[in-house]
Amino acid sequence: MTTKTIRPLVRVLRDRDAGLYLCGVVVSGFGTSALWLASGVWVKDLTGSDGLAALCVLALWLPALAGPLLGTLADRVRRKPLLIGGNLLLATLLLTLVGVDTPGDLWLLYAVLFVYGAVGVVHDAAGSALVATAVDPALLGDFNGLRMTATESMKLLAPLAGAGLCAAYGGASVALLDAATFVLATALYAAVRVREDEPAPPTGRPRRRAAEGVRHLWAHPVLRPLVLAGGTAMLCAGLNGAMVYAVVDALGHSPAYTGVLYAVQGTGSVAVGLLSGSALRHLGARRFAAWGIALLAVAVALRAVPSDPVALVCGAAIGMGLPAVLIAALTSVQHETPGALLGRVTATAHTLVYAPNVVGLAAGAALVELVSHRLVLVALGAALLVTAAALCQRPARAERTASRSSSDANPA
């Protein structure tokens, strides 16, 4: 990393409010990642059912489909109190899981996970809007990259800690750990000093207010192609993820080897998070996203080659390529959206980008039983290359609009 790359990261970390918010993300992210894996293990231990264990992930993801509507909450009240209230609500709900110790109690776990997912949608929307207020616009790309690095770092450590804690002391112990992380994150968010004006009184029905965010995103010449490219990349990533056990089997390893591949992928994500701010400034959002998707395309296609070194390199490349389009899209949403709409537009963007991943995982789980995984991987690589090429060929007018943002200094 060069001095030009490091200097903005240091500026972000030295900023008191940005640093506090990042610490809150790290702390709560650790608890969330731990619970994400432990909840499935918890259900599996109680019931022996893979299907019931998989419902935990569905319960967490399902509220994302209502992102545009849930995002209106982040525009109706001040964002900092909303973050604090959401964290305390989840900490309280997680405490109720202490009594879950029989299959008949699992309805409570699923209900809490569903609320957890819904609050998470609102939390992400409010956090994005708060960051756009508290952080220098010229450093938003660096901040979002650091946030990605922090989140991925937690994914490398927290699931193992959660699984170990669940195995030793039961699922309730992980719920208590997650509750404690939310309490600590609340204290960190409370210490953030940011001036927020009281939002204007809402007009119209919630559905109409949600539609305003959708219309803004869809009509915007910069945001629409980036968000659609992000959704396409996540759809392909879901399909690719469903092939991982077939890839490992072709390599001649046990299923546990998937942990090695995911660890390598996480390392790639950590690296690109540190470089993203500089890349956004030099390439612009569209080109940074396009290069990331192109790297993802090549890496996914090459996973069809049954070679350990190739698989490890591809894992790192996937970890670097996929976050690039996510960081580019979500940073552009912060730059290109008025503050009064930012919660709704962020939540809508998150739904359009992340929901296809669940669809891809479900479709891939069925497809891998019917078609050779090598054929699927090559086809995904081709589809991603087409997506990258389309993103590069967007009209010059859209790029001129993008260049007005501080992170897109060098348009294509």
Protein backbone atom coordinates (compact mmCIF):
# COMPACT_ATOMS: atom_id res chain seq x y z
CA MET A 1 0.00 0.00 0.00
CA THR A 2 1.31 3.44 -0.93
CA THR A 3 1.34 6.59 1.16
CA LYS A 4 -1.53 7.99 -0.92
CA THR A 5 -3.60 4.94 -0.02
CA ILE A 6 -2.71 4.89 3.66
CA ARG A 7 -3.13 8.60 4.39
CA PRO A 8 -6.94 8.73 3.88
CA LEU A 9 -7.36 5.58 5.98
CA VAL A 10 -5.41 7.22 8.80
CA ARG A 11 -7.61 10.32 8.52
CA VAL A 12 -10.71 8.18 8.91
CA LEU A 13 -9.31 6.30 11.90
CA ARG A 14 -8.17 9.52 13.56
CA ASP A 15 -11.62 11.02 13.23
CA ARG A 16 -13.23 10.49 16.63
CA ASP A 17 -16.78 9.92 15.40
CA ALA A 18 -15.80 7.71 12.46
CA GLY A 19 -13.59 5.64 14.77
CA LEU A 20 -16.37 5.20 17.33
CA TYR A 21 -18.84 4.12 14.68
CA LEU A 22 -16.37 1.63 13.21
CA CYS A 23 -15.76 0.18 16.67
CA GLY A 24 -19.51 -0.22 17.07
CA VAL A 25 -19.67 -2.04 13.73
CA VAL A 26 -16.85 -4.37 14.79
CA VAL A 27 -18.39 -5.18 18.17
CA SER A 28 -21.96 -5.77 16.98
CA GLY A 29 -20.67 -7.53 13.84
CA PHE A 30 -18.81 -10.03 15.99
CA GLY A 31 -21.97 -10.94 17.87
CA THR A 32 -24.08 -11.11 14.71
CA SER A 33 -21.61 -13.37 12.90
CA ALA A 34 -21.37 -15.64 15.93
CA LEU A 35 -25.15 -15.97 16.21
CA TRP A 36 -25.59 -16.47 12.44
CA LEU A 37 -23.75 -19.80 12.54
CA ALA A 38 -24.62 -20.81 16.09
CA SER A 39 -28.39 -20.51 15.54
CA GLY A 40 -28.28 -23.23 12.87
CA VAL A 41 -26.09 -25.43 15.04
CA TRP A 42 -28.48 -24.82 17.94
CA VAL A 43 -31.51 -25.96 15.92
CA LYS A 44 -29.62 -28.93 14.47
CA ASP A 45 -28.66 -30.08 17.97
CA LEU A 46 -32.26 -29.82 19.21
CA THR A 47 -34.01 -31.41 16.22
CA GLY A 48 -31.44 -33.18 14.04
CA SER A 49 -33.10 -31.53 11.04
CA ASP A 50 -31.03 -29.79 8.34
CA GLY A 51 -34.18 -28.14 6.96
CA LEU A 52 -35.16 -26.57 10.28
CA ALA A 53 -31.58 -25.39 10.77
CA ALA A 54 -31.65 -23.74 7.34
CA LEU A 55 -34.80 -21.83 8.34
CA CYS A 56 -32.63 -19.72 10.64
CA VAL A 57 -30.94 -18.10 7.64
CA LEU A 58 -34.32 -17.63 5.95
CA ALA A 59 -35.74 -15.91 9.04
CA LEU A 60 -32.79 -13.52 9.11
CA TRP A 61 -32.95 -12.69 5.39
CA LEU A 62 -36.71 -12.56 4.79
CA PRO A 63 -37.21 -9.00 6.16
CA ALA A 64 -34.77 -7.69 3.55
CA LEU A 65 -37.53 -8.14 0.96
CA ALA A 66 -39.42 -5.33 2.74
CA GLY A 67 -36.35 -3.06 2.65
CA PRO A 68 -37.97 -0.10 0.83
CA LEU A 69 -40.80 -0.01 3.37
CA LEU A 70 -38.61 -0.57 6.45
CA GLY A 71 -36.21 2.11 5.22
CA THR A 72 -38.88 4.76 5.65
CA LEU A 73 -38.36 4.45 9.42
CA ALA A 74 -34.79 5.70 9.02
CA ASP A 75 -36.10 8.89 7.39
CA ARG A 76 -38.85 9.61 9.92
CA VAL A 77 -36.70 10.10 13.03
CA ARG A 78 -33.15 11.12 13.87
CA ARG A 79 -30.78 8.30 12.96
CA LYS A 80 -28.57 8.18 16.07
CA PRO A 81 -31.42 7.57 18.55
CA LEU A 82 -32.84 5.02 16.11
CA LEU A 83 -29.54 3.08 16.08
CA ILE A 84 -29.38 3.13 19.86
CA GLY A 85 -33.01 2.07 20.26
CA GLY A 86 -32.62 -0.77 17.75
CA ASN A 87 -29.55 -2.12 19.53
CA LEU A 88 -31.26 -2.08 22.92
CA LEU A 89 -34.35 -3.76 21.48
CA LEU A 90 -32.26 -6.60 20.06
CA ALA A 91 -30.25 -6.96 23.27
CA THR A 92 -33.53 -7.36 25.19
CA LEU A 93 -35.02 -9.84 22.72
CA LEU A 94 -31.89 -11.97 22.70
CA LEU A 95 -32.20 -12.43 26.46
CA THR A 96 -35.52 -14.23 25.93
CA LEU A 97 -33.67 -17.02 24.08
CA VAL A 98 -32.14 -18.26 27.33
CA GLY A 99 -35.24 -20.42 27.79
CA VAL A 100 -35.02 -22.15 24.39
CA ASP A 101 -33.98 -25.72 25.20
CA THR A 102 -36.56 -27.98 23.49
CA PRO A 103 -37.85 -28.29 19.90
CA GLY A 104 -41.16 -26.83 21.04
CA ASP A 105 -39.39 -23.56 21.94
CA LEU A 106 -37.96 -22.98 18.48
CA TRP A 107 -40.83 -20.70 17.41
CA LEU A 108 -39.34 -18.11 19.76
CA LEU A 109 -35.90 -18.43 18.17
CA TYR A 110 -37.35 -17.99 14.66
CA ALA A 111 -39.43 -15.00 15.80
CA VAL A 112 -36.42 -13.30 17.36
CA LEU A 113 -34.31 -13.97 14.26
CA PHE A 114 -37.04 -12.46 12.06
CA VAL A 115 -37.16 -9.30 14.18
CA TYR A 116 -33.36 -9.34 14.22
CA GLY A 117 -33.35 -9.25 10.43
CA ALA A 118 -35.95 -6.47 10.27
CA VAL A 119 -34.11 -4.30 12.76
CA GLY A 120 -30.91 -5.00 10.83
CA VAL A 121 -32.46 -3.54 7.66
CA VAL A 122 -33.45 -0.37 9.51
CA HIS A 123 -30.09 -0.27 11.29
CA ASP A 124 -28.14 -0.44 8.02
CA ALA A 125 -30.28 2.30 6.46
CA ALA A 126 -29.96 4.58 9.49
CA GLY A 127 -26.24 3.88 9.83
CA SER A 128 -25.56 4.73 6.20
CA ALA A 129 -27.44 8.01 6.55
CA LEU A 130 -25.68 8.86 9.82
CA VAL A 131 -22.25 8.14 8.33
CA ALA A 132 -23.02 10.39 5.36
CA THR A 133 -23.59 13.19 7.89
CA ALA A 134 -20.69 12.47 10.23
CA VAL A 135 -17.89 11.59 7.77
CA ASP A 136 -16.17 13.89 5.28
CA PRO A 137 -17.77 13.10 1.88
CA ALA A 138 -14.29 12.79 0.33
CA LEU A 139 -13.56 9.92 2.75
CA LEU A 140 -16.80 7.95 2.43
CA GLY A 141 -15.17 5.41 0.10
CA ASP A 142 -12.34 4.87 2.57
CA PHE A 143 -14.80 4.59 5.44
CA ASN A 144 -16.97 2.04 3.64
CA GLY A 145 -13.86 0.08 2.71
CA LEU A 146 -12.74 0.01 6.33
CA ARG A 147 -16.22 -1.05 7.35
CA MET A 148 -16.04 -3.92 4.85
CA THR A 149 -12.62 -4.87 6.22
CA ALA A 150 -13.95 -4.84 9.78
CA THR A 151 -17.03 -6.88 8.87
CA GLU A 152 -15.07 -9.50 6.95
CA SER A 153 -12.47 -9.73 9.70
CA MET A 154 -15.24 -10.57 12.16
CA LYS A 155 -16.54 -13.25 9.78
CA LEU A 156 -13.15 -14.93 9.95
CA LEU A 157 -13.22 -15.15 13.74
CA ALA A 158 -16.75 -14.90 15.08
CA PRO A 159 -18.39 -18.00 13.49
CA LEU A 160 -15.69 -20.24 14.95
CA ALA A 161 -16.09 -18.59 18.35
CA GLY A 162 -19.87 -18.92 18.16
CA ALA A 163 -19.74 -22.57 17.14
CA GLY A 164 -17.27 -23.36 19.92
CA LEU A 165 -19.31 -21.52 22.52
CA CYS A 166 -22.50 -23.23 21.35
CA ALA A 167 -20.86 -26.67 21.50
CA ALA A 168 -19.50 -26.06 24.99
CA TYR A 169 -22.34 -24.19 26.70
CA GLY A 170 -25.34 -24.29 24.37
CA GLY A 171 -26.97 -21.81 22.03
CA ALA A 172 -28.22 -19.58 24.84
CA SER A 173 -24.63 -18.63 25.66
CA VAL A 174 -24.16 -17.24 22.13
CA ALA A 175 -27.41 -15.26 22.45
CA LEU A 176 -26.08 -13.74 25.68
CA LEU A 177 -22.79 -12.90 23.97
CA ASP A 178 -24.63 -11.20 21.11
CA ALA A 179 -26.80 -9.24 23.57
CA ALA A 180 -23.66 -8.01 25.34
CA THR A 181 -22.13 -6.85 22.04
CA PHE A 182 -25.26 -4.83 21.27
CA VAL A 183 -25.09 -3.13 24.67
CA LEU A 184 -21.43 -2.24 24.11
CA ALA A 185 -22.15 -1.02 20.57
CA THR A 186 -24.94 1.15 21.98
CA ALA A 187 -22.45 2.89 24.25
CA LEU A 188 -20.12 3.51 21.30
CA TYR A 189 -22.91 4.91 19.09
CA ALA A 190 -24.10 7.11 21.95
CA ALA A 191 -20.65 8.69 22.12
CA VAL A 192 -20.72 9.72 18.44
CA ARG A 193 -21.10 13.50 18.18
CA VAL A 194 -23.25 14.40 15.22
CA ARG A 195 -25.76 17.17 14.69
CA GLU A 196 -28.99 15.98 13.15
CA ASP A 197 -31.93 18.18 12.24
CA GLU A 198 -35.35 16.93 13.18
CA PRO A 199 -36.82 15.25 10.07
CA ALA A 200 -39.76 16.91 8.40
CA PRO A 201 -43.14 15.40 9.33
CA PRO A 202 -43.93 12.46 6.98
CA THR A 203 -46.47 13.05 4.23
CA GLY A 204 -48.48 10.36 2.55
CA ARG A 205 -48.87 6.71 3.38
CA PRO A 206 -45.81 4.53 4.18
CA ARG A 207 -46.14 2.74 0.83
CA ARG A 208 -46.00 6.07 -1.00
CA ARG A 209 -42.98 7.21 1.00
CA ALA A 210 -41.22 3.91 0.22
CA ALA A 211 -42.01 4.40 -3.47
CA GLU A 212 -40.21 7.77 -3.40
CA GLY A 213 -36.96 6.02 -2.53
CA VAL A 214 -37.49 3.41 -5.23
CA ARG A 215 -38.20 6.09 -7.85
CA HIS A 216 -35.10 8.08 -6.91
CA LEU A 217 -32.85 5.05 -7.25
CA TRP A 218 -34.44 3.76 -10.45
CA ALA A 219 -34.38 7.14 -12.22
CA HIS A 220 -30.82 8.01 -11.24
CA PRO A 221 -28.34 7.46 -14.11
CA VAL A 222 -25.49 6.58 -11.74
CA LEU A 223 -27.22 4.53 -9.05
CA ARG A 224 -29.45 2.28 -11.15
CA PRO A 225 -26.68 0.58 -13.19
CA LEU A 226 -24.45 0.18 -10.14
CA VAL A 227 -27.20 -1.33 -7.98
CA LEU A 228 -28.37 -3.64 -10.76
CA ALA A 229 -24.79 -4.76 -11.37
CA GLY A 230 -24.42 -5.40 -7.65
CA GLY A 231 -27.60 -7.48 -7.60
CA THR A 232 -26.42 -9.49 -10.61
CA ALA A 233 -23.03 -10.08 -8.99
CA MET A 234 -24.67 -11.24 -5.75
CA LEU A 235 -27.04 -13.55 -7.66
CA CYS A 236 -24.04 -15.16 -9.37
CA ALA A 237 -22.18 -15.25 -6.06
CA GLY A 238 -25.07 -17.18 -4.52
CA LEU A 239 -25.02 -19.70 -7.36
CA ASN A 240 -21.24 -19.93 -7.03
CA GLY A 241 -21.51 -20.46 -3.28
CA ALA A 242 -23.88 -23.36 -3.79
CA MET A 243 -21.19 -25.08 -5.89
CA VAL A 244 -18.51 -24.93 -3.20
CA TYR A 245 -19.00 -28.46 -1.88
CA ALA A 246 -18.86 -29.85 -5.42
CA VAL A 247 -15.62 -27.91 -5.97
CA VAL A 248 -14.15 -29.30 -2.75
CA ASP A 249 -15.22 -32.82 -3.68
CA ALA A 250 -13.53 -32.47 -7.08
CA LEU A 251 -10.34 -31.44 -5.27
CA GLY A 252 -10.48 -34.67 -3.28
CA HIS A 253 -10.95 -33.03 0.13
CA SER A 254 -13.52 -33.47 2.89
CA PRO A 255 -16.32 -30.87 3.29
CA ALA A 256 -14.34 -29.24 6.12
CA TYR A 257 -11.97 -27.85 3.44
CA THR A 258 -14.65 -25.29 2.60
CA GLY A 259 -13.56 -23.49 5.76
CA VAL A 260 -10.12 -22.98 4.23
CA LEU A 261 -11.61 -21.57 1.03
CA TYR A 262 -13.89 -19.19 2.94
CA ALA A 263 -10.99 -18.03 5.11
CA VAL A 264 -8.93 -17.23 2.00
CA GLN A 265 -11.92 -15.44 0.48
CA GLY A 266 -12.32 -13.38 3.65
CA THR A 267 -8.66 -12.39 3.48
CA GLY A 268 -9.23 -11.05 -0.04
CA SER A 269 -12.22 -9.02 1.18
CA VAL A 270 -10.15 -7.51 3.98
CA ALA A 271 -7.50 -6.46 1.46
CA VAL A 272 -9.89 -4.82 -1.00
CA GLY A 273 -11.58 -2.96 1.83
CA LEU A 274 -8.30 -1.23 2.63
CA LEU A 275 -7.73 -0.30 -1.03
CA SER A 276 -11.26 0.72 -2.02
CA GLY A 277 -11.10 4.41 -1.12
CA SER A 278 -8.02 4.97 -3.26
CA ALA A 279 -9.47 2.85 -6.08
CA LEU A 280 -12.70 4.84 -6.09
CA ARG A 281 -10.79 8.09 -6.37
CA HIS A 282 -8.62 6.87 -9.23
CA LEU A 283 -11.11 4.77 -11.21
CA GLY A 284 -14.52 6.19 -10.37
CA ALA A 285 -17.39 4.10 -9.05
CA ARG A 286 -18.42 2.45 -12.33
CA ARG A 287 -14.94 1.40 -13.39
CA PHE A 288 -14.04 0.18 -9.90
CA ALA A 289 -17.23 -1.92 -9.85
CA ALA A 290 -16.60 -3.19 -13.40
CA TRP A 291 -13.04 -4.26 -12.61
CA GLY A 292 -14.28 -6.01 -9.47
CA ILE A 293 -16.97 -7.92 -11.40
CA ALA A 294 -14.46 -8.86 -14.11
CA LEU A 295 -12.07 -10.24 -11.48
CA LEU A 296 -14.97 -12.14 -9.91
CA ALA A 297 -15.91 -13.55 -13.34
CA VAL A 298 -12.46 -14.93 -14.05
CA ALA A 299 -12.10 -16.37 -10.56
CA VAL A 300 -15.51 -18.09 -10.62
CA ALA A 301 -14.86 -19.65 -14.03
CA LEU A 302 -11.40 -20.89 -13.03
CA ARG A 303 -12.84 -22.72 -10.02
CA ALA A 304 -13.82 -25.36 -12.56
CA VAL A 305 -10.13 -26.34 -12.70
CA PRO A 306 -9.50 -29.14 -10.13
CA SER A 307 -6.32 -27.72 -8.62
CA ASP A 308 -5.64 -26.70 -5.02
CA PRO A 309 -3.41 -23.70 -5.87
CA VAL A 310 -5.95 -22.47 -8.44
CA ALA A 311 -8.79 -22.89 -5.95
CA LEU A 312 -6.96 -20.88 -3.28
CA VAL A 313 -6.04 -18.07 -5.69
CA CYS A 314 -9.62 -17.99 -6.99
CA GLY A 315 -10.93 -17.81 -3.44
CA ALA A 316 -8.83 -14.74 -2.71
CA ALA A 317 -9.83 -13.18 -6.05
CA ILE A 318 -13.53 -13.75 -5.34
CA GLY A 319 -13.03 -12.12 -1.96
CA MET A 320 -11.50 -9.07 -3.65
CA GLY A 321 -13.83 -8.81 -6.65
CA LEU A 322 -17.28 -9.09 -5.08
CA PRO A 323 -16.90 -6.36 -2.40
CA ALA A 324 -15.69 -3.87 -5.03
CA VAL A 325 -19.11 -3.53 -6.66
CA LEU A 326 -20.85 -3.47 -3.27
CA ILE A 327 -18.63 -0.68 -1.94
CA ALA A 328 -18.94 1.28 -5.20
CA ALA A 329 -22.74 1.01 -5.26
CA LEU A 330 -23.39 1.82 -1.61
CA THR A 331 -20.88 4.68 -1.50
CA SER A 332 -22.53 6.17 -4.59
CA VAL A 333 -25.92 5.92 -2.86
CA GLN A 334 -24.53 8.03 -0.01
CA HIS A 335 -23.10 10.61 -2.41
CA GLU A 336 -26.00 10.87 -4.81
CA THR A 337 -29.03 10.83 -2.49
CA PRO A 338 -30.54 13.76 -0.56
CA GLY A 339 -30.41 13.28 3.19
CA ALA A 340 -34.20 13.21 3.55
CA LEU A 341 -34.37 10.16 1.24
CA LEU A 342 -31.17 8.40 2.23
CA GLY A 343 -32.70 5.83 4.59
CA ARG A 344 -35.27 4.67 2.04
CA VAL A 345 -32.86 4.62 -0.88
CA THR A 346 -30.20 2.75 1.13
CA ALA A 347 -32.70 0.11 2.24
CA THR A 348 -33.99 -0.27 -1.32
CA ALA A 349 -30.43 -0.63 -2.64
CA HIS A 350 -29.66 -3.24 0.01
CA THR A 351 -32.74 -5.24 -0.99
CA LEU A 352 -31.90 -5.11 -4.70
CA VAL A 353 -28.26 -6.00 -4.08
CA TYR A 354 -28.44 -8.62 -1.33
CA ALA A 355 -31.77 -10.41 -1.84
CA PRO A 356 -30.59 -12.02 -5.14
CA ASN A 357 -27.88 -13.80 -3.15
CA VAL A 358 -30.53 -15.84 -1.33
CA VAL A 359 -32.23 -16.64 -4.64
CA GLY A 360 -28.88 -17.73 -6.08
CA LEU A 361 -28.15 -19.99 -3.13
CA ALA A 362 -31.56 -21.66 -3.40
CA ALA A 363 -31.33 -22.08 -7.18
CA GLY A 364 -27.76 -23.31 -6.97
CA ALA A 365 -28.67 -25.94 -4.38
CA ALA A 366 -31.10 -27.45 -6.89
CA LEU A 367 -28.92 -26.88 -9.95
CA VAL A 368 -25.84 -28.61 -8.56
CA GLU A 369 -27.80 -31.87 -8.42
CA LEU A 370 -28.79 -31.63 -12.10
CA VAL A 371 -25.85 -30.09 -13.96
CA SER A 372 -22.06 -30.41 -13.76
CA HIS A 373 -20.70 -27.77 -11.43
CA ARG A 374 -17.93 -27.01 -13.93
CA LEU A 375 -20.47 -26.07 -16.58
CA VAL A 376 -22.33 -23.84 -14.11
CA LEU A 377 -19.13 -22.07 -13.01
CA VAL A 378 -18.05 -21.33 -16.59
CA ALA A 379 -21.53 -20.03 -17.43
CA LEU A 380 -21.49 -17.79 -14.34
CA GLY A 381 -18.10 -16.41 -15.35
CA ALA A 382 -19.46 -15.53 -18.80
CA ALA A 383 -22.55 -13.85 -17.33
CA LEU A 384 -20.40 -11.78 -14.98
CA LEU A 385 -18.12 -10.68 -17.82
CA VAL A 386 -21.17 -9.47 -19.74
CA THR A 387 -22.29 -7.54 -16.64
CA ALA A 388 -18.87 -5.90 -16.29
CA ALA A 389 -18.80 -4.96 -19.96
CA ALA A 390 -22.30 -3.44 -19.78
CA LEU A 391 -21.29 -1.39 -16.75
CA CYS A 392 -18.28 -0.02 -18.63
CA GLN A 393 -20.42 1.01 -21.58
CA ARG A 394 -22.83 3.21 -19.69
CA PRO A 395 -23.47 6.61 -21.34
CA ALA A 396 -20.95 9.38 -20.72
CA ARG A 397 -23.74 11.49 -19.25
CA ALA A 398 -24.06 9.14 -16.30
CA GLU A 399 -20.33 9.23 -15.64
CA ARG A 400 -20.32 13.03 -15.71
CA THR A 401 -23.00 12.96 -13.02
CA ALA A 402 -20.94 10.51 -10.99
CA SER A 403 -17.84 12.69 -11.27
CA ARG A 404 -19.55 15.37 -9.20
CA SER A 405 -19.10 13.20 -6.12
CA SER A 406 -15.89 13.52 -4.16
CA SER A 407 -14.92 9.87 -4.47
CA ASP A 408 -15.20 9.79 -8.28
CA ALA A 409 -12.49 12.24 -9.21
CA ASN A 410 -11.40 10.57 -12.47
CA PRO A 411 -14.37 9.60 -14.64
CA ALA A 412 -13.97 7.19 -17.52
